[in-house]
Amino acid sequence: MSIDNTELASQIIKQTKSDVGVVHFFNHIAVMEFEEGKHIDLTSSRPILNSIIDYFGDTKPFGLIANRVNSYSVSVLEIKDFRQELPNLSAYGIICYNQAGKMNAKIESSICEWDNICYDNLYDGLDTVYSNVKKRLQISSN
């Protein structure tokens, strides 16, 4: 389910669209929704990556969620490069709506060095990712 079709839509602070998809910004979380059939790599996702960096800067802890409402491919060999460009990324999650999405999330999880990043619904993913970001925010304010 796209975040635009939930009661969370009213809490979106900013949205940025590009050729590959849209990113929805909240206070401490960004939710990415990529278009059907797109291939996501550093080049194609550069506008989205830049908007995330512009919004959160390079010190404010934040969480990132890939809401896989569509089927698309990800360049797994570039996941670590993508991650290095976001030094303040504190939590990551993937919302998976089918078995293929869960398999892809498992592969991404092994590469991006986070455990249990796959969630069955948007609300569970947002709650968990936000809880992890809050922990980081508390640590950074001490």
C-alpha atoms as a PDB file:
ATOM      1  CA  MET A   1       0.000   0.000   0.000  1.00  0.00           C
ATOM      2  CA  SER A   2       1.379   3.368  -1.005  1.00  0.00           C
ATOM      3  CA  ILE A   3       1.858   5.747   1.893  1.00  0.00           C
ATOM      4  CA  ASP A   4      -0.307   8.262  -0.002  1.00  0.00           C
ATOM      5  CA  ASN A   5      -3.251   5.894   0.591  1.00  0.00           C
ATOM      6  CA  THR A   6      -2.897   5.809   4.377  1.00  0.00           C
ATOM      7  CA  GLU A   7      -3.761   8.184   7.203  1.00  0.00           C
ATOM      8  CA  LEU A   8       0.000   8.845   7.401  1.00  0.00           C
ATOM      9  CA  ALA A   9      -0.218  10.902   4.205  1.00  0.00           C
ATOM     10  CA  SER A  10      -1.321  13.951   6.187  1.00  0.00           C
ATOM     11  CA  GLN A  11       1.929  13.786   8.194  1.00  0.00           C
ATOM     12  CA  ILE A  12       4.239  13.931   5.164  1.00  0.00           C
ATOM     13  CA  ILE A  13       6.351  17.083   5.431  1.00  0.00           C
ATOM     14  CA  LYS A  14       7.877  17.023   1.949  1.00  0.00           C
ATOM     15  CA  GLN A  15       7.881  14.863  -1.183  1.00  0.00           C
ATOM     16  CA  THR A  16      10.490  14.658  -3.907  1.00  0.00           C
ATOM     17  CA  LYS A  17       9.796  12.955  -7.236  1.00  0.00           C
ATOM     18  CA  SER A  18      12.269  11.709  -9.824  1.00  0.00           C
ATOM     19  CA  ASP A  19      12.251   9.440 -12.877  1.00  0.00           C
ATOM     20  CA  VAL A  20      12.595   6.336 -10.692  1.00  0.00           C
ATOM     21  CA  GLY A  21      10.165   7.150  -7.910  1.00  0.00           C
ATOM     22  CA  VAL A  22       9.207   9.347  -4.997  1.00  0.00           C
ATOM     23  CA  VAL A  23      10.544   9.894  -1.501  1.00  0.00           C
ATOM     24  CA  HIS A  24       8.230  11.005   1.303  1.00  0.00           C
ATOM     25  CA  PHE A  25       9.835  12.861   4.192  1.00  0.00           C
ATOM     26  CA  PHE A  26       8.788  12.863   7.835  1.00  0.00           C
ATOM     27  CA  ASN A  27      10.730  14.325  10.780  1.00  0.00           C
ATOM     28  CA  HIS A  28      13.194  11.452  11.160  1.00  0.00           C
ATOM     29  CA  ILE A  29      12.216   9.028   8.401  1.00  0.00           C
ATOM     30  CA  ALA A  30      12.153   8.980   4.615  1.00  0.00           C
ATOM     31  CA  VAL A  31       9.953   6.488   2.766  1.00  0.00           C
ATOM     32  CA  MET A  32      10.986   5.617  -0.802  1.00  0.00           C
ATOM     33  CA  GLU A  33       8.549   4.215  -3.344  1.00  0.00           C
ATOM     34  CA  PHE A  34      10.144   3.286  -6.658  1.00  0.00           C
ATOM     35  CA  GLU A  35       8.271   2.947  -9.945  1.00  0.00           C
ATOM     36  CA  GLU A  36       7.340  -0.371 -11.517  1.00  0.00           C
ATOM     37  CA  GLY A  37      10.115  -1.990 -13.576  1.00  0.00           C
ATOM     38  CA  LYS A  38      12.852   0.525 -12.771  1.00  0.00           C
ATOM     39  CA  HIS A  39      16.461  -0.459 -12.080  1.00  0.00           C
ATOM     40  CA  ILE A  40      17.804   1.268  -8.989  1.00  0.00           C
ATOM     41  CA  ASP A  41      21.513   2.024  -8.880  1.00  0.00           C
ATOM     42  CA  LEU A  42      23.604   5.000  -7.781  1.00  0.00           C
ATOM     43  CA  THR A  43      23.132   6.794 -11.087  1.00  0.00           C
ATOM     44  CA  SER A  44      19.365   6.378 -11.393  1.00  0.00           C
ATOM     45  CA  SER A  45      18.726   7.132  -7.732  1.00  0.00           C
ATOM     46  CA  ARG A  46      21.065  10.149  -7.539  1.00  0.00           C
ATOM     47  CA  PRO A  47      18.198  12.720  -7.443  1.00  0.00           C
ATOM     48  CA  ILE A  48      16.528  10.827  -4.592  1.00  0.00           C
ATOM     49  CA  LEU A  49      19.823  10.355  -2.764  1.00  0.00           C
ATOM     50  CA  ASN A  50      20.575  14.073  -3.099  1.00  0.00           C
ATOM     51  CA  SER A  51      17.148  15.015  -1.759  1.00  0.00           C
ATOM     52  CA  ILE A  52      17.707  12.752   1.283  1.00  0.00           C
ATOM     53  CA  ILE A  53      21.111  14.351   1.924  1.00  0.00           C
ATOM     54  CA  ASP A  54      19.625  17.842   1.498  1.00  0.00           C
ATOM     55  CA  TYR A  55      16.782  17.087   3.911  1.00  0.00           C
ATOM     56  CA  PHE A  56      18.682  15.306   6.699  1.00  0.00           C
ATOM     57  CA  GLY A  57      22.173  16.714   6.220  1.00  0.00           C
ATOM     58  CA  ASP A  58      25.129  14.561   7.241  1.00  0.00           C
ATOM     59  CA  THR A  59      24.727  14.514  11.024  1.00  0.00           C
ATOM     60  CA  LYS A  60      21.018  14.217  11.903  1.00  0.00           C
ATOM     61  CA  PRO A  61      20.153  10.540  12.541  1.00  0.00           C
ATOM     62  CA  PHE A  62      17.332   9.271  10.334  1.00  0.00           C
ATOM     63  CA  GLY A  63      15.680   6.114   9.112  1.00  0.00           C
ATOM     64  CA  LEU A  64      14.993   5.008   5.572  1.00  0.00           C
ATOM     65  CA  ILE A  65      12.222   2.698   4.390  1.00  0.00           C
ATOM     66  CA  ALA A  66      11.828   1.157   0.955  1.00  0.00           C
ATOM     67  CA  ASN A  67       8.091   0.642   0.542  1.00  0.00           C
ATOM     68  CA  ARG A  68       8.009  -1.957  -2.235  1.00  0.00           C
ATOM     69  CA  VAL A  69       4.587  -1.295  -3.642  1.00  0.00           C
ATOM     70  CA  ASN A  70       6.001  -1.992  -7.121  1.00  0.00           C
ATOM     71  CA  SER A  71       8.416  -4.514  -8.553  1.00  0.00           C
ATOM     72  CA  TYR A  72      11.859  -3.126  -9.408  1.00  0.00           C
ATOM     73  CA  SER A  73      15.462  -4.262  -9.398  1.00  0.00           C
ATOM     74  CA  VAL A  74      18.279  -3.030  -7.190  1.00  0.00           C
ATOM     75  CA  SER A  75      21.978  -3.081  -8.013  1.00  0.00           C
ATOM     76  CA  VAL A  76      23.075  -5.084  -4.973  1.00  0.00           C
ATOM     77  CA  LEU A  77      26.726  -4.470  -5.771  1.00  0.00           C
ATOM     78  CA  GLU A  78      26.186  -0.751  -5.111  1.00  0.00           C
ATOM     79  CA  ILE A  79      24.315  -1.051  -1.796  1.00  0.00           C
ATOM     80  CA  LYS A  80      27.461  -0.448   0.258  1.00  0.00           C
ATOM     81  CA  ASP A  81      28.312   2.605  -1.885  1.00  0.00           C
ATOM     82  CA  PHE A  82      24.791   3.954  -1.381  1.00  0.00           C
ATOM     83  CA  ARG A  83      25.126   3.362   2.364  1.00  0.00           C
ATOM     84  CA  GLN A  84      28.490   5.195   2.527  1.00  0.00           C
ATOM     85  CA  GLU A  85      26.870   8.333   1.121  1.00  0.00           C
ATOM     86  CA  LEU A  86      24.490   8.411   4.100  1.00  0.00           C
ATOM     87  CA  PRO A  87      26.735   8.385   7.191  1.00  0.00           C
ATOM     88  CA  ASN A  88      23.874   9.376   9.514  1.00  0.00           C
ATOM     89  CA  LEU A  89      21.504   6.622   8.352  1.00  0.00           C
ATOM     90  CA  SER A  90      20.534   4.971  11.639  1.00  0.00           C
ATOM     91  CA  ALA A  91      17.898   2.443  10.615  1.00  0.00           C
ATOM     92  CA  TYR A  92      16.678   0.804   7.429  1.00  0.00           C
ATOM     93  CA  GLY A  93      13.632  -1.227   6.555  1.00  0.00           C
ATOM     94  CA  ILE A  94      11.955  -2.799   3.555  1.00  0.00           C
ATOM     95  CA  ILE A  95       8.214  -3.305   3.385  1.00  0.00           C
ATOM     96  CA  CYS A  96       7.660  -6.579   1.521  1.00  0.00           C
ATOM     97  CA  TYR A  97       4.257  -7.501   0.128  1.00  0.00           C
ATOM     98  CA  ASN A  98       5.137 -10.869  -1.423  1.00  0.00           C
ATOM     99  CA  GLN A  99       7.625 -13.730  -1.264  1.00  0.00           C
ATOM    100  CA  ALA A 100       9.864 -12.309  -4.007  1.00  0.00           C
ATOM    101  CA  GLY A 101      10.166  -9.057  -2.057  1.00  0.00           C
ATOM    102  CA  LYS A 102      11.110 -10.983   1.073  1.00  0.00           C
ATOM    103  CA  MET A 103      13.836 -12.871  -0.815  1.00  0.00           C
ATOM    104  CA  ASN A 104      15.236  -9.597  -2.174  1.00  0.00           C
ATOM    105  CA  ALA A 105      15.165  -8.047   1.307  1.00  0.00           C
ATOM    106  CA  LYS A 106      17.124 -11.000   2.663  1.00  0.00           C
ATOM    107  CA  ILE A 107      19.830 -10.457   0.034  1.00  0.00           C
ATOM    108  CA  GLU A 108      19.946  -6.702   0.722  1.00  0.00           C
ATOM    109  CA  SER A 109      20.081  -7.359   4.467  1.00  0.00           C
ATOM    110  CA  SER A 110      23.165  -9.514   4.109  1.00  0.00           C
ATOM    111  CA  ILE A 111      24.920  -6.799   2.123  1.00  0.00           C
ATOM    112  CA  CYS A 112      23.878  -3.699   4.063  1.00  0.00           C
ATOM    113  CA  GLU A 113      24.787  -5.247   7.424  1.00  0.00           C
ATOM    114  CA  TRP A 114      21.407  -4.796   9.123  1.00  0.00           C
ATOM    115  CA  ASP A 115      19.382  -7.653  10.534  1.00  0.00           C
ATOM    116  CA  ASN A 116      15.638  -8.122  10.273  1.00  0.00           C
ATOM    117  CA  ILE A 117      14.922  -5.321   7.833  1.00  0.00           C
ATOM    118  CA  CYS A 118      11.885  -6.949   6.198  1.00  0.00           C
ATOM    119  CA  TYR A 119       8.410  -5.996   7.412  1.00  0.00           C
ATOM    120  CA  ASP A 120       5.007  -7.237   6.279  1.00  0.00           C
ATOM    121  CA  ASN A 121       3.310  -3.872   6.511  1.00  0.00           C
ATOM    122  CA  LEU A 122       4.114  -0.193   6.521  1.00  0.00           C
ATOM    123  CA  TYR A 123       3.081   0.426  10.118  1.00  0.00           C
ATOM    124  CA  ASP A 124       5.341  -2.267  11.603  1.00  0.00           C
ATOM    125  CA  GLY A 125       8.248  -1.014   9.501  1.00  0.00           C
ATOM    126  CA  LEU A 126       7.714   2.612  10.486  1.00  0.00           C
ATOM    127  CA  ASP A 127       7.371   1.764  14.184  1.00  0.00           C
ATOM    128  CA  THR A 128      10.542  -0.338  14.268  1.00  0.00           C
ATOM    129  CA  VAL A 129      12.656   2.008  12.163  1.00  0.00           C
ATOM    130  CA  TYR A 130      11.519   5.034  14.168  1.00  0.00           C
ATOM    131  CA  SER A 131      12.304   3.229  17.460  1.00  0.00           C
ATOM    132  CA  ASN A 132      15.826   2.551  16.214  1.00  0.00           C
ATOM    133  CA  VAL A 133      16.285   6.165  15.129  1.00  0.00           C
ATOM    134  CA  LYS A 134      15.027   7.388  18.524  1.00  0.00           C
ATOM    135  CA  LYS A 135      17.700   5.288  20.242  1.00  0.00           C
ATOM    136  CA  ARG A 136      20.340   6.937  18.075  1.00  0.00           C
ATOM    137  CA  LEU A 137      18.899  10.391  18.741  1.00  0.00           C
ATOM    138  CA  GLN A 138      19.109   9.785  22.488  1.00  0.00           C
ATOM    139  CA  ILE A 139      22.705   8.607  22.209  1.00  0.00           C
ATOM    140  CA  SER A 140      23.749  11.578  20.062  1.00  0.00           C
ATOM    141  CA  SER A 141      22.214  14.103  22.479  1.00  0.00           C
ATOM    142  CA  ASN A 142      24.222  12.774  25.456  1.00  0.00           C
END
